[in-house]
């Protein structure tokens, strides 16, 4: 029987069509291009969730389990990705690493986890910034599990189809000053992506 860990919800700041799931001690996943699922990917060792709005707040609910739960109902897009926590913390953060007021997704501490990300409302305000009302909602379920490839579970919104239609990003070679573990490195990466028209 699954003993569910604390469930909580909070507003999370979105920038450049994304928010993140990170470990304070380092990388959580190998790179997975956004075109694989159109919802969840990994870049620079961080999990990224693609949002319809460009900048603003979305509502995120986290739900940690000890074993694989059933997917939530009433969601438009659902995808899964694996990750590993070395510190025992998997935190939902803004794109610039500001942590949300949400419990860790690593219910059993350090180890490998499966994340199931659900999304609703991504077609309501695509590319908009600083929405007065929250229009996008996310549920992230986590449970301990061996590594598996990222998969798309459900596809029903137009924004996800748009992301999946894009080709995998060109490889970018960066030096130590451009490391994605530093704020300046992330800002340079944002500028490079923007120059190539890669906003999600």
Protein backbone atom coordinates (compact mmCIF):
# COMPACT_ATOMS: atom_id res chain seq x y z
CA UNK A 1 0.00 0.00 0.00
CA UNK A 2 1.27 3.43 -0.93
CA UNK A 3 1.76 5.70 2.07
CA UNK A 4 1.60 9.14 0.49
CA UNK A 5 4.11 11.73 1.67
CA UNK A 6 3.05 15.36 2.16
CA UNK A 7 1.19 16.97 -0.72
CA UNK A 8 1.38 20.73 -1.17
CA UNK A 9 0.74 23.46 -3.73
CA UNK A 10 2.38 26.82 -4.44
CA UNK A 11 2.83 29.45 -7.13
CA UNK A 12 6.08 29.03 -9.06
CA UNK A 13 7.72 31.78 -11.11
CA UNK A 14 8.21 30.96 -14.80
CA UNK A 15 10.82 32.54 -17.06
CA UNK A 16 11.54 31.71 -20.70
CA UNK A 17 8.72 29.14 -20.81
CA UNK A 18 10.06 26.99 -17.99
CA UNK A 19 10.50 26.17 -14.34
CA UNK A 20 12.88 23.57 -12.94
CA UNK A 21 13.41 20.64 -10.61
CA UNK A 22 16.90 20.63 -9.11
CA UNK A 23 19.16 19.16 -6.44
CA UNK A 24 21.21 21.70 -4.43
CA UNK A 25 24.25 19.41 -4.68
CA UNK A 26 24.41 19.00 -8.45
CA UNK A 27 23.01 17.39 -11.62
CA UNK A 28 19.89 15.23 -11.43
CA UNK A 29 19.61 13.96 -15.03
CA UNK A 30 21.38 13.57 -18.35
CA UNK A 31 20.15 15.85 -21.12
CA UNK A 32 16.74 15.01 -22.62
CA UNK A 33 15.53 17.30 -25.40
CA UNK A 34 12.19 19.05 -24.94
CA UNK A 35 10.99 17.56 -28.24
CA UNK A 36 10.85 14.07 -26.69
CA UNK A 37 7.74 14.72 -24.58
CA UNK A 38 6.91 18.38 -25.17
CA UNK A 39 6.43 18.80 -21.42
CA UNK A 40 9.45 17.73 -19.40
CA UNK A 41 13.11 17.67 -20.38
CA UNK A 42 16.61 17.96 -18.88
CA UNK A 43 19.36 20.45 -19.64
CA UNK A 44 22.61 21.17 -17.82
CA UNK A 45 21.73 18.51 -15.26
CA UNK A 46 18.41 20.14 -14.31
CA UNK A 47 14.86 18.96 -15.07
CA UNK A 48 12.90 21.60 -17.00
CA UNK A 49 9.10 21.78 -17.30
CA UNK A 50 7.87 23.60 -20.43
CA UNK A 51 5.12 26.15 -19.89
CA UNK A 52 2.84 27.93 -22.35
CA UNK A 53 3.31 31.35 -20.77
CA UNK A 54 6.69 32.97 -21.27
CA UNK A 55 6.90 34.76 -17.91
CA UNK A 56 4.63 34.76 -14.87
CA UNK A 57 3.31 32.38 -12.22
CA UNK A 58 1.90 28.88 -12.54
CA UNK A 59 0.31 26.73 -9.84
CA UNK A 60 2.34 23.60 -9.00
CA UNK A 61 1.23 20.76 -6.75
CA UNK A 62 3.69 18.09 -5.62
CA UNK A 63 2.74 14.61 -4.51
CA UNK A 64 5.38 12.18 -3.22
CA UNK A 65 4.79 8.42 -3.07
CA UNK A 66 6.67 5.35 -1.89
CA UNK A 67 5.56 3.37 -4.95
CA UNK A 68 4.21 4.10 -8.44
CA UNK A 69 0.83 5.89 -8.18
CA UNK A 70 -1.93 6.08 -10.75
CA UNK A 71 -1.78 9.18 -13.00
CA UNK A 72 -3.98 12.10 -12.01
CA UNK A 73 -7.25 12.68 -13.85
CA UNK A 74 -8.40 15.76 -15.75
CA UNK A 75 -4.96 16.69 -17.12
CA UNK A 76 -4.20 17.59 -20.75
CA UNK A 77 -0.58 16.47 -20.94
CA UNK A 78 1.31 13.90 -18.86
CA UNK A 79 4.96 12.84 -19.19
CA UNK A 80 7.52 10.95 -17.12
CA UNK A 81 11.25 11.37 -16.60
CA UNK A 82 13.82 9.78 -14.30
CA UNK A 83 16.27 11.64 -12.08
CA UNK A 84 18.76 11.06 -9.29
CA UNK A 85 19.19 13.07 -6.10
CA UNK A 86 22.61 13.01 -4.44
CA UNK A 87 21.69 15.33 -1.56
CA UNK A 88 18.32 13.77 -0.76
CA UNK A 89 16.44 16.84 -1.98
CA UNK A 90 14.59 17.35 -5.27
CA UNK A 91 13.22 20.89 -5.28
CA UNK A 92 10.86 22.76 -7.58
CA UNK A 93 12.51 26.08 -8.45
CA UNK A 94 12.09 29.03 -10.76
CA UNK A 95 14.35 29.16 -13.82
CA UNK A 96 16.83 31.25 -11.81
CA UNK A 97 16.90 28.71 -8.96
CA UNK A 98 14.59 30.42 -6.49
CA UNK A 99 13.02 27.48 -4.60
CA UNK A 100 9.24 27.29 -4.29
CA UNK A 101 7.62 26.76 -0.91
CA UNK A 102 7.08 23.07 -1.64
CA UNK A 103 8.34 19.87 0.01
CA UNK A 104 11.15 17.86 -1.55
CA UNK A 105 10.13 15.30 -4.17
CA UNK A 106 12.79 12.89 -2.83
CA UNK A 107 10.58 11.14 -0.28
CA UNK A 108 13.26 8.58 0.66
CA UNK A 109 16.27 10.85 0.53
CA UNK A 110 19.18 10.32 -1.84
CA UNK A 111 18.48 7.95 -4.73
CA UNK A 112 16.83 7.54 -8.12
CA UNK A 113 13.26 8.69 -8.67
CA UNK A 114 10.62 8.73 -11.38
CA UNK A 115 8.75 11.99 -11.90
CA UNK A 116 5.35 12.15 -13.57
CA UNK A 117 4.52 15.69 -14.65
CA UNK A 118 0.90 16.66 -15.44
CA UNK A 119 -0.11 19.93 -17.13
CA UNK A 120 -3.36 21.80 -17.79
CA UNK A 121 -3.97 25.22 -19.37
CA UNK A 122 -0.82 25.63 -21.47
CA UNK A 123 -2.85 26.72 -24.52
CA UNK A 124 -4.66 29.54 -22.71
CA UNK A 125 -1.99 32.26 -22.92
CA UNK A 126 0.93 31.02 -25.04
CA UNK A 127 3.90 33.44 -25.01
CA UNK A 128 2.18 35.88 -22.62
CA UNK A 129 4.05 37.51 -19.77
CA UNK A 130 3.07 38.47 -16.22
CA UNK A 131 -0.48 37.14 -16.20
CA UNK A 132 -2.84 38.72 -13.65
CA UNK A 133 -4.60 35.38 -13.14
CA UNK A 134 -3.02 31.94 -12.97
CA UNK A 135 -4.01 29.99 -16.09
CA UNK A 136 -1.61 27.03 -15.97
CA UNK A 137 -1.60 24.19 -13.46
CA UNK A 138 0.87 21.38 -12.86
CA UNK A 139 0.95 18.22 -10.75
CA UNK A 140 4.28 16.47 -10.14
CA UNK A 141 4.14 12.96 -8.72
CA UNK A 142 7.38 11.30 -7.56
CA UNK A 143 8.32 7.84 -6.37
CA UNK A 144 11.56 5.81 -5.96
CA UNK A 145 12.26 3.84 -9.16
CA UNK A 146 15.10 2.62 -11.35
CA UNK A 147 16.07 4.80 -14.29
CA UNK A 148 13.92 4.61 -17.43
CA UNK A 149 13.76 6.69 -20.59
CA UNK A 150 11.51 9.76 -20.64
CA UNK A 151 8.04 8.97 -22.04
CA UNK A 152 4.94 10.87 -23.09
CA UNK A 153 1.91 9.40 -21.30
CA UNK A 154 -0.85 11.69 -22.58
CA UNK A 155 -0.84 14.35 -25.31
CA UNK A 156 -3.82 16.67 -25.74
CA UNK A 157 -2.69 20.29 -25.89
CA UNK A 158 -1.50 22.34 -28.85
CA UNK A 159 1.53 23.77 -27.08
CA UNK A 160 2.96 20.31 -26.41
CA UNK A 161 2.54 19.40 -30.08
CA UNK A 162 4.43 22.57 -31.00
CA UNK A 163 7.34 21.72 -28.69
CA UNK A 164 7.50 18.10 -29.91
CA UNK A 165 7.63 19.31 -33.53
CA UNK A 166 10.89 21.19 -32.97
CA UNK A 167 14.13 19.44 -33.81
CA UNK A 168 16.57 18.65 -31.01
CA UNK A 169 18.69 21.69 -30.15
CA UNK A 170 22.15 22.00 -31.68
CA UNK A 171 24.93 21.03 -29.30
CA UNK A 172 26.50 24.07 -27.63
CA UNK A 173 30.09 23.82 -26.41
CA UNK A 174 30.69 25.95 -23.32
CA UNK A 175 33.80 26.61 -21.27
CA UNK A 176 34.09 26.66 -17.48
CA UNK A 177 33.02 30.31 -17.31
CA UNK A 178 29.76 29.38 -19.06
CA UNK A 179 28.92 26.48 -16.75
CA UNK A 180 25.16 26.07 -16.28
CA UNK A 181 25.80 25.67 -12.55
CA UNK A 182 26.52 29.42 -12.32
CA UNK A 183 24.06 32.27 -12.72
CA UNK A 184 26.19 33.98 -15.39
CA UNK A 185 26.50 30.73 -17.31
CA UNK A 186 22.72 30.22 -17.27
CA UNK A 187 22.19 33.81 -18.42
CA UNK A 188 24.63 33.32 -21.31
CA UNK A 189 22.82 30.11 -22.24
CA UNK A 190 19.48 31.97 -22.26
CA UNK A 191 20.93 34.59 -24.59
CA UNK A 192 22.34 31.93 -26.93
CA UNK A 193 18.99 30.15 -27.07
CA UNK A 194 17.15 33.42 -27.69
CA UNK A 195 19.50 34.26 -30.56
CA UNK A 196 18.59 30.93 -32.15
CA UNK A 197 14.87 31.50 -31.51
CA UNK A 198 14.71 28.76 -28.85
CA UNK A 199 12.29 30.11 -26.27
CA UNK A 200 11.22 26.75 -24.77
